[in-house]
Amino acid sequence: MSITTLSSRELNHDVSSAKKAARNGPVIITDRGKPSHVLMTYDEFERLSGKHRSLVDALAMPGLSAIEFEPHRIEIRPRGMDFS
């Protein structure tokens, strides 16, 4: 992960470069030489904020049906009880 630093002026002149840099790590935006904002991808924001998708959303992901999954069947047997 790389950290990029841009001034507010640089950001305003080339937003697309800032967005590309955010794919590789956070982009710190400075205002008068001091850090003021951070640009990151939305996926990274969700990861850091702890927001998780629901099971329904996860199972609806494209390409999921192409994954082979054959779990082994587990046999559960009741154990004998001694009531004496």
PDB file of N, CA and C in Angstrom:
ATOM      1  N   MET A   1       0.848  -1.168   0.000  1.00  0.00           N
ATOM      2  CA  MET A   1       0.000   0.000   0.000  1.00  0.00           C
ATOM      3  C   MET A   1       0.901   1.241   0.000  1.00  0.00           C
ATOM      4  N   SER A   2       0.575   2.150  -0.899  1.00  0.00           N
ATOM      5  CA  SER A   2       1.350   3.390  -0.936  1.00  0.00           C
ATOM      6  C   SER A   2       0.462   4.559  -0.508  1.00  0.00           C
ATOM      7  N   ILE A   3       1.055   5.528   0.137  1.00  0.00           N
ATOM      8  CA  ILE A   3       0.332   6.719   0.578  1.00  0.00           C
ATOM      9  C   ILE A   3       0.766   7.873  -0.318  1.00  0.00           C
ATOM     10  N   THR A   4      -0.212   8.548  -0.916  1.00  0.00           N
ATOM     11  CA  THR A   4       0.048   9.682  -1.791  1.00  0.00           C
ATOM     12  C   THR A   4      -0.424  10.949  -1.094  1.00  0.00           C
ATOM     13  N   THR A   5       0.322  12.025  -1.246  1.00  0.00           N
ATOM     14  CA  THR A   5      -0.074  13.308  -0.675  1.00  0.00           C
ATOM     15  C   THR A   5      -0.241  14.312  -1.806  1.00  0.00           C
ATOM     16  N   LEU A   6      -1.376  14.993  -1.821  1.00  0.00           N
ATOM     17  CA  LEU A   6      -1.668  16.014  -2.824  1.00  0.00           C
ATOM     18  C   LEU A   6      -2.175  17.269  -2.131  1.00  0.00           C
ATOM     19  N   SER A   7      -1.837  18.409  -2.692  1.00  0.00           N
ATOM     20  CA  SER A   7      -2.430  19.643  -2.177  1.00  0.00           C
ATOM     21  C   SER A   7      -3.852  19.763  -2.730  1.00  0.00           C
ATOM     22  N   SER A   8      -4.654  20.614  -2.125  1.00  0.00           N
ATOM     23  CA  SER A   8      -6.017  20.836  -2.618  1.00  0.00           C
ATOM     24  C   SER A   8      -5.979  21.301  -4.069  1.00  0.00           C
ATOM     25  N   ARG A   9      -5.014  22.132  -4.390  1.00  0.00           N
ATOM     26  CA  ARG A   9      -4.885  22.646  -5.757  1.00  0.00           C
ATOM     27  C   ARG A   9      -4.579  21.511  -6.730  1.00  0.00           C
ATOM     28  N   GLU A  10      -3.638  20.624  -6.370  1.00  0.00           N
ATOM     29  CA  GLU A  10      -3.304  19.480  -7.232  1.00  0.00           C
ATOM     30  C   GLU A  10      -4.522  18.582  -7.441  1.00  0.00           C
ATOM     31  N   LEU A  11      -5.281  18.380  -6.382  1.00  0.00           N
ATOM     32  CA  LEU A  11      -6.488  17.559  -6.479  1.00  0.00           C
ATOM     33  C   LEU A  11      -7.477  18.183  -7.459  1.00  0.00           C
ATOM     34  N   ASN A  12      -7.705  19.478  -7.336  1.00  0.00           N
ATOM     35  CA  ASN A  12      -8.659  20.159  -8.215  1.00  0.00           C
ATOM     36  C   ASN A  12      -8.225  20.123  -9.679  1.00  0.00           C
ATOM     37  N   HIS A  13      -6.914  20.114  -9.926  1.00  0.00           N
ATOM     38  CA  HIS A  13      -6.419  20.107 -11.303  1.00  0.00           C
ATOM     39  C   HIS A  13      -6.435  18.717 -11.926  1.00  0.00           C
ATOM     40  N   ASP A  14      -6.357  17.671 -11.112  1.00  0.00           N
ATOM     41  CA  ASP A  14      -6.284  16.313 -11.670  1.00  0.00           C
ATOM     42  C   ASP A  14      -6.966  15.297 -10.760  1.00  0.00           C
ATOM     43  N   VAL A  15      -8.284  15.367 -10.728  1.00  0.00           N
ATOM     44  CA  VAL A  15      -9.066  14.462  -9.877  1.00  0.00           C
ATOM     45  C   VAL A  15      -8.881  13.014 -10.312  1.00  0.00           C
ATOM     46  N   SER A  16      -8.812  12.770 -11.614  1.00  0.00           N
ATOM     47  CA  SER A  16      -8.708  11.389 -12.077  1.00  0.00           C
ATOM     48  C   SER A  16      -7.419  10.724 -11.604  1.00  0.00           C
ATOM     49  N   SER A  17      -6.309  11.454 -11.552  1.00  0.00           N
ATOM     50  CA  SER A  17      -5.060  10.879 -11.022  1.00  0.00           C
ATOM     51  C   SER A  17      -5.193  10.551  -9.538  1.00  0.00           C
ATOM     52  N   ALA A  18      -5.892  11.391  -8.804  1.00  0.00           N
ATOM     53  CA  ALA A  18      -6.098  11.146  -7.376  1.00  0.00           C
ATOM     54  C   ALA A  18      -6.927   9.878  -7.179  1.00  0.00           C
ATOM     55  N   LYS A  19      -7.951   9.696  -8.001  1.00  0.00           N
ATOM     56  CA  LYS A  19      -8.787   8.495  -7.897  1.00  0.00           C
ATOM     57  C   LYS A  19      -7.979   7.241  -8.231  1.00  0.00           C
ATOM     58  N   LYS A  20      -7.115   7.331  -9.232  1.00  0.00           N
ATOM     59  CA  LYS A  20      -6.252   6.194  -9.587  1.00  0.00           C
ATOM     60  C   LYS A  20      -5.285   5.885  -8.442  1.00  0.00           C
ATOM     61  N   ALA A  21      -4.725   6.917  -7.832  1.00  0.00           N
ATOM     62  CA  ALA A  21      -3.788   6.717  -6.721  1.00  0.00           C
ATOM     63  C   ALA A  21      -4.489   6.082  -5.527  1.00  0.00           C
ATOM     64  N   ALA A  22      -5.774   6.392  -5.334  1.00  0.00           N
ATOM     65  CA  ALA A  22      -6.529   5.839  -4.203  1.00  0.00           C
ATOM     66  C   ALA A  22      -6.708   4.330  -4.327  1.00  0.00           C
ATOM     67  N   ARG A  23      -6.588   3.786  -5.527  1.00  0.00           N
ATOM     68  CA  ARG A  23      -6.674   2.331  -5.702  1.00  0.00           C
ATOM     69  C   ARG A  23      -5.486   1.621  -5.062  1.00  0.00           C
ATOM     70  N   ASN A  24      -4.365   2.351  -4.918  1.00  0.00           N
ATOM     71  CA  ASN A  24      -3.149   1.765  -4.351  1.00  0.00           C
ATOM     72  C   ASN A  24      -2.943   2.105  -2.885  1.00  0.00           C
ATOM     73  N   GLY A  25      -3.804   2.937  -2.326  1.00  0.00           N
ATOM     74  CA  GLY A  25      -3.674   3.326  -0.936  1.00  0.00           C
ATOM     75  C   GLY A  25      -4.290   4.694  -0.712  1.00  0.00           C
ATOM     76  N   PRO A  26      -4.299   5.154   0.517  1.00  0.00           N
ATOM     77  CA  PRO A  26      -4.945   6.434   0.822  1.00  0.00           C
ATOM     78  C   PRO A  26      -4.231   7.614   0.169  1.00  0.00           C
ATOM     79  N   VAL A  27      -5.019   8.612  -0.188  1.00  0.00           N
ATOM     80  CA  VAL A  27      -4.482   9.859  -0.735  1.00  0.00           C
ATOM     81  C   VAL A  27      -4.778  10.944   0.290  1.00  0.00           C
ATOM     82  N   ILE A  28      -3.732  11.532   0.841  1.00  0.00           N
ATOM     83  CA  ILE A  28      -3.898  12.587   1.834  1.00  0.00           C
ATOM     84  C   ILE A  28      -3.967  13.920   1.096  1.00  0.00           C
ATOM     85  N   ILE A  29      -5.030  14.670   1.351  1.00  0.00           N
ATOM     86  CA  ILE A  29      -5.215  15.976   0.739  1.00  0.00           C
ATOM     87  C   ILE A  29      -4.822  17.030   1.766  1.00  0.00           C
ATOM     88  N   THR A  30      -3.931  17.923   1.365  1.00  0.00           N
ATOM     89  CA  THR A  30      -3.487  18.958   2.295  1.00  0.00           C
ATOM     90  C   THR A  30      -4.127  20.303   1.945  1.00  0.00           C
ATOM     91  N   ASP A  31      -4.302  21.104   2.962  1.00  0.00           N
ATOM     92  CA  ASP A  31      -4.802  22.463   2.806  1.00  0.00           C
ATOM     93  C   ASP A  31      -3.826  23.382   3.530  1.00  0.00           C
ATOM     94  N   ARG A  32      -3.136  24.202   2.767  1.00  0.00           N
ATOM     95  CA  ARG A  32      -2.083  25.078   3.304  1.00  0.00           C
ATOM     96  C   ARG A  32      -0.992  24.275   4.024  1.00  0.00           C
ATOM     97  N   GLY A  33      -0.675  23.130   3.435  1.00  0.00           N
ATOM     98  CA  GLY A  33       0.417  22.314   3.959  1.00  0.00           C
ATOM     99  C   GLY A  33       0.055  21.356   5.074  1.00  0.00           C
ATOM    100  N   LYS A  34      -1.182  21.404   5.566  1.00  0.00           N
ATOM    101  CA  LYS A  34      -1.597  20.521   6.657  1.00  0.00           C
ATOM    102  C   LYS A  34      -2.610  19.494   6.135  1.00  0.00           C
ATOM    103  N   PRO A  35      -2.480  18.237   6.552  1.00  0.00           N
ATOM    104  CA  PRO A  35      -3.454  17.229   6.127  1.00  0.00           C
ATOM    105  C   PRO A  35      -4.873  17.631   6.546  1.00  0.00           C
ATOM    106  N   SER A  36      -5.810  17.555   5.598  1.00  0.00           N
ATOM    107  CA  SER A  36      -7.186  17.935   5.917  1.00  0.00           C
ATOM    108  C   SER A  36      -8.209  16.862   5.550  1.00  0.00           C
ATOM    109  N   HIS A  37      -7.924  16.066   4.522  1.00  0.00           N
ATOM    110  CA  HIS A  37      -8.864  15.039   4.081  1.00  0.00           C
ATOM    111  C   HIS A  37      -8.096  13.813   3.596  1.00  0.00           C
ATOM    112  N   VAL A  38      -8.814  12.698   3.517  1.00  0.00           N
ATOM    113  CA  VAL A  38      -8.221  11.475   2.975  1.00  0.00           C
ATOM    114  C   VAL A  38      -9.172  10.915   1.928  1.00  0.00           C
ATOM    115  N   LEU A  39      -8.630  10.597   0.767  1.00  0.00           N
ATOM    116  CA  LEU A  39      -9.400   9.982  -0.308  1.00  0.00           C
ATOM    117  C   LEU A  39      -9.049   8.504  -0.343  1.00  0.00           C
ATOM    118  N   MET A  40     -10.066   7.645  -0.390  1.00  0.00           N
ATOM    119  CA  MET A  40      -9.845   6.203  -0.472  1.00  0.00           C
ATOM    120  C   MET A  40     -10.972   5.583  -1.278  1.00  0.00           C
ATOM    121  N   THR A  41     -10.791   4.351  -1.700  1.00  0.00           N
ATOM    122  CA  THR A  41     -11.856   3.667  -2.435  1.00  0.00           C
ATOM    123  C   THR A  41     -13.000   3.344  -1.479  1.00  0.00           C
ATOM    124  N   TYR A  42     -14.164   3.152  -2.042  1.00  0.00           N
ATOM    125  CA  TYR A  42     -15.328   2.844  -1.210  1.00  0.00           C
ATOM    126  C   TYR A  42     -15.169   1.476  -0.543  1.00  0.00           C
ATOM    127  N   ASP A  43     -14.572   0.521  -1.247  1.00  0.00           N
ATOM    128  CA  ASP A  43     -14.339  -0.804  -0.635  1.00  0.00           C
ATOM    129  C   ASP A  43     -13.456  -0.688   0.605  1.00  0.00           C
ATOM    130  N   GLU A  44     -12.424   0.151   0.513  1.00  0.00           N
ATOM    131  CA  GLU A  44     -11.540   0.346   1.664  1.00  0.00           C
ATOM    132  C   GLU A  44     -12.289   1.035   2.804  1.00  0.00           C
ATOM    133  N   PHE A  45     -13.133   1.988   2.461  1.00  0.00           N
ATOM    134  CA  PHE A  45     -13.940   2.665   3.473  1.00  0.00           C
ATOM    135  C   PHE A  45     -14.852   1.666   4.195  1.00  0.00           C
ATOM    136  N   GLU A  46     -15.516   0.799   3.434  1.00  0.00           N
ATOM    137  CA  GLU A  46     -16.383  -0.210   4.055  1.00  0.00           C
ATOM    138  C   GLU A  46     -15.581  -1.136   4.961  1.00  0.00           C
ATOM    139  N   ARG A  47     -14.390  -1.541   4.515  1.00  0.00           N
ATOM    140  CA  ARG A  47     -13.555  -2.433   5.324  1.00  0.00           C
ATOM    141  C   ARG A  47     -13.169  -1.758   6.634  1.00  0.00           C
ATOM    142  N   LEU A  48     -12.761  -0.493   6.558  1.00  0.00           N
ATOM    143  CA  LEU A  48     -12.337   0.218   7.762  1.00  0.00           C
ATOM    144  C   LEU A  48     -13.499   0.575   8.681  1.00  0.00           C
ATOM    145  N   SER A  49     -14.664   0.823   8.106  1.00  0.00           N
ATOM    146  CA  SER A  49     -15.800   1.227   8.929  1.00  0.00           C
ATOM    147  C   SER A  49     -16.511   0.026   9.554  1.00  0.00           C
ATOM    148  N   GLY A  50     -16.105  -1.183   9.154  1.00  0.00           N
ATOM    149  CA  GLY A  50     -16.704  -2.376   9.746  1.00  0.00           C
ATOM    150  C   GLY A  50     -18.040  -2.751   9.143  1.00  0.00           C
ATOM    151  N   LYS A  51     -18.428  -2.077   8.079  1.00  0.00           N
ATOM    152  CA  LYS A  51     -19.703  -2.404   7.439  1.00  0.00           C
ATOM    153  C   LYS A  51     -19.517  -3.675   6.618  1.00  0.00           C
ATOM    154  N   HIS A  52     -20.336  -4.660   6.912  1.00  0.00           N
ATOM    155  CA  HIS A  52     -20.255  -5.929   6.200  1.00  0.00           C
ATOM    156  C   HIS A  52     -21.523  -6.128   5.398  1.00  0.00           C
ATOM    157  N   ARG A  53     -21.378  -6.774   4.269  1.00  0.00           N
ATOM    158  CA  ARG A  53     -22.573  -7.039   3.469  1.00  0.00           C
ATOM    159  C   ARG A  53     -23.357  -8.199   4.080  1.00  0.00           C
ATOM    160  N   SER A  54     -24.616  -8.262   3.749  1.00  0.00           N
ATOM    161  CA  SER A  54     -25.468  -9.316   4.293  1.00  0.00           C
ATOM    162  C   SER A  54     -25.154 -10.641   3.597  1.00  0.00           C
ATOM    163  N   LEU A  55     -25.588 -11.720   4.188  1.00  0.00           N
ATOM    164  CA  LEU A  55     -25.386 -13.034   3.605  1.00  0.00           C
ATOM    165  C   LEU A  55     -26.085 -13.118   2.252  1.00  0.00           C
ATOM    166  N   VAL A  56     -27.251 -12.524   2.148  1.00  0.00           N
ATOM    167  CA  VAL A  56     -27.995 -12.539   0.881  1.00  0.00           C
ATOM    168  C   VAL A  56     -27.181 -11.833  -0.204  1.00  0.00           C
ATOM    169  N   ASP A  57     -26.594 -10.680   0.120  1.00  0.00           N
ATOM    170  CA  ASP A  57     -25.766  -9.957  -0.848  1.00  0.00           C
ATOM    171  C   ASP A  57     -24.536 -10.777  -1.234  1.00  0.00           C
ATOM    172  N   ALA A  58     -23.914 -11.407  -0.260  1.00  0.00           N
ATOM    173  CA  ALA A  58     -22.723 -12.210  -0.532  1.00  0.00           C
ATOM    174  C   ALA A  58     -23.048 -13.393  -1.436  1.00  0.00           C
ATOM    175  N   LEU A  59     -24.191 -14.040  -1.205  1.00  0.00           N
ATOM    176  CA  LEU A  59     -24.575 -15.195  -2.016  1.00  0.00           C
ATOM    177  C   LEU A  59     -25.046 -14.795  -3.406  1.00  0.00           C
ATOM    178  N   ALA A  60     -25.403 -13.538  -3.604  1.00  0.00           N
ATOM    179  CA  ALA A  60     -25.864 -13.054  -4.900  1.00  0.00           C
ATOM    180  C   ALA A  60     -24.710 -12.544  -5.768  1.00  0.00           C
ATOM    181  N   MET A  61     -23.472 -12.713  -5.310  1.00  0.00           N
ATOM    182  CA  MET A  61     -22.322 -12.226  -6.069  1.00  0.00           C
ATOM    183  C   MET A  61     -22.242 -12.932  -7.424  1.00  0.00           C
ATOM    184  N   PRO A  62     -21.920 -12.185  -8.482  1.00  0.00           N
ATOM    185  CA  PRO A  62     -21.769 -12.834  -9.787  1.00  0.00           C
ATOM    186  C   PRO A  62     -20.604 -13.814  -9.780  1.00  0.00           C
ATOM    187  N   GLY A  63     -20.784 -14.936 -10.471  1.00  0.00           N
ATOM    188  CA  GLY A  63     -19.722 -15.927 -10.567  1.00  0.00           C
ATOM    189  C   GLY A  63     -19.674 -16.902  -9.412  1.00  0.00           C
ATOM    190  N   LEU A  64     -20.511 -16.717  -8.405  1.00  0.00           N
ATOM    191  CA  LEU A  64     -20.475 -17.586  -7.236  1.00  0.00           C
ATOM    192  C   LEU A  64     -20.888 -19.015  -7.592  1.00  0.00           C
ATOM    193  N   SER A  65     -21.802 -19.164  -8.545  1.00  0.00           N
ATOM    194  CA  SER A  65     -22.264 -20.509  -8.904  1.00  0.00           C
ATOM    195  C   SER A  65     -21.178 -21.319  -9.598  1.00  0.00           C
ATOM    196  N   ALA A  66     -20.126 -20.676 -10.085  1.00  0.00           N
ATOM    197  CA  ALA A  66     -19.038 -21.391 -10.757  1.00  0.00           C
ATOM    198  C   ALA A  66     -18.069 -22.034  -9.767  1.00  0.00           C
ATOM    199  N   ILE A  67     -18.177 -21.720  -8.495  1.00  0.00           N
ATOM    200  CA  ILE A  67     -17.284 -22.276  -7.486  1.00  0.00           C
ATOM    201  C   ILE A  67     -17.780 -23.665  -7.091  1.00  0.00           C
ATOM    202  N   GLU A  68     -16.867 -24.634  -7.184  1.00  0.00           N
ATOM    203  CA  GLU A  68     -17.239 -25.996  -6.792  1.00  0.00           C
ATOM    204  C   GLU A  68     -17.094 -26.150  -5.291  1.00  0.00           C
ATOM    205  N   PHE A  69     -18.133 -26.679  -4.661  1.00  0.00           N
ATOM    206  CA  PHE A  69     -18.115 -26.873  -3.219  1.00  0.00           C
ATOM    207  C   PHE A  69     -18.830 -28.168  -2.897  1.00  0.00           C
ATOM    208  N   GLU A  70     -18.088 -29.166  -2.481  1.00  0.00           N
ATOM    209  CA  GLU A  70     -18.635 -30.468  -2.134  1.00  0.00           C
ATOM    210  C   GLU A  70     -18.157 -30.847  -0.731  1.00  0.00           C
ATOM    211  N   PRO A  71     -18.835 -30.371   0.306  1.00  0.00           N
ATOM    212  CA  PRO A  71     -18.397 -30.708   1.658  1.00  0.00           C
ATOM    213  C   PRO A  71     -18.619 -32.192   1.958  1.00  0.00           C
ATOM    214  N   HIS A  72     -17.765 -32.744   2.802  1.00  0.00           N
ATOM    215  CA  HIS A  72     -17.924 -34.141   3.216  1.00  0.00           C
ATOM    216  C   HIS A  72     -19.104 -34.248   4.166  1.00  0.00           C
ATOM    217  N   ARG A  73     -19.859 -35.318   4.011  1.00  0.00           N
ATOM    218  CA  ARG A  73     -21.012 -35.530   4.876  1.00  0.00           C
ATOM    219  C   ARG A  73     -20.529 -36.059   6.230  1.00  0.00           C
ATOM    220  N   ILE A  74     -21.027 -35.469   7.270  1.00  0.00           N
ATOM    221  CA  ILE A  74     -20.655 -35.889   8.620  1.00  0.00           C
ATOM    222  C   ILE A  74     -21.791 -36.719   9.201  1.00  0.00           C
ATOM    223  N   GLU A  75     -21.428 -37.848   9.775  1.00  0.00           N
ATOM    224  CA  GLU A  75     -22.433 -38.718  10.376  1.00  0.00           C
ATOM    225  C   GLU A  75     -22.422 -38.511  11.894  1.00  0.00           C
ATOM    226  N   ILE A  76     -23.549 -38.150  12.437  1.00  0.00           N
ATOM    227  CA  ILE A  76     -23.674 -37.930  13.876  1.00  0.00           C
ATOM    228  C   ILE A  76     -24.519 -39.061  14.454  1.00  0.00           C
ATOM    229  N   ARG A  77     -23.969 -39.763  15.415  1.00  0.00           N
ATOM    230  CA  ARG A  77     -24.677 -40.896  16.024  1.00  0.00           C
ATOM    231  C   ARG A  77     -24.953 -40.589  17.488  1.00  0.00           C
ATOM    232  N   PRO A  78     -26.123 -40.974  17.960  1.00  0.00           N
ATOM    233  CA  PRO A  78     -26.394 -40.780  19.389  1.00  0.00           C
ATOM    234  C   PRO A  78     -25.554 -41.764  20.214  1.00  0.00           C
ATOM    235  N   ARG A  79     -25.138 -41.342  21.380  1.00  0.00           N
ATOM    236  CA  ARG A  79     -24.369 -42.258  22.206  1.00  0.00           C
ATOM    237  C   ARG A  79     -25.308 -42.906  23.233  1.00  0.00           C
ATOM    238  N   GLY A  80     -24.928 -44.081  23.657  1.00  0.00           N
ATOM    239  CA  GLY A  80     -25.726 -44.807  24.623  1.00  0.00           C
ATOM    240  C   GLY A  80     -25.713 -44.169  25.998  1.00  0.00           C
ATOM    241  N   MET A  81     -26.818 -44.306  26.701  1.00  0.00           N
ATOM    242  CA  MET A  81     -26.933 -43.731  28.049  1.00  0.00           C
ATOM    243  C   MET A  81     -27.095 -44.854  29.061  1.00  0.00           C
ATOM    244  N   ASP A  82     -26.459 -44.705  30.190  1.00  0.00           N
ATOM    245  CA  ASP A  82     -26.583 -45.684  31.276  1.00  0.00           C
ATOM    246  C   ASP A  82     -27.423 -45.025  32.370  1.00  0.00           C
ATOM    247  N   PHE A  83     -28.664 -45.514  32.563  1.00  0.00           N
ATOM    248  CA  PHE A  83     -29.572 -44.955  33.545  1.00  0.00           C
ATOM    249  C   PHE A  83     -29.612 -45.772  34.844  1.00  0.00           C
ATOM    250  N   SER A  84     -28.584 -46.569  35.105  1.00  0.00           N
ATOM    251  CA  SER A  84     -28.630 -47.396  36.317  1.00  0.00           C
ATOM    252  C   SER A  84     -28.183 -46.613  37.536  1.00  0.00           C
TER     253      SER A  84
END
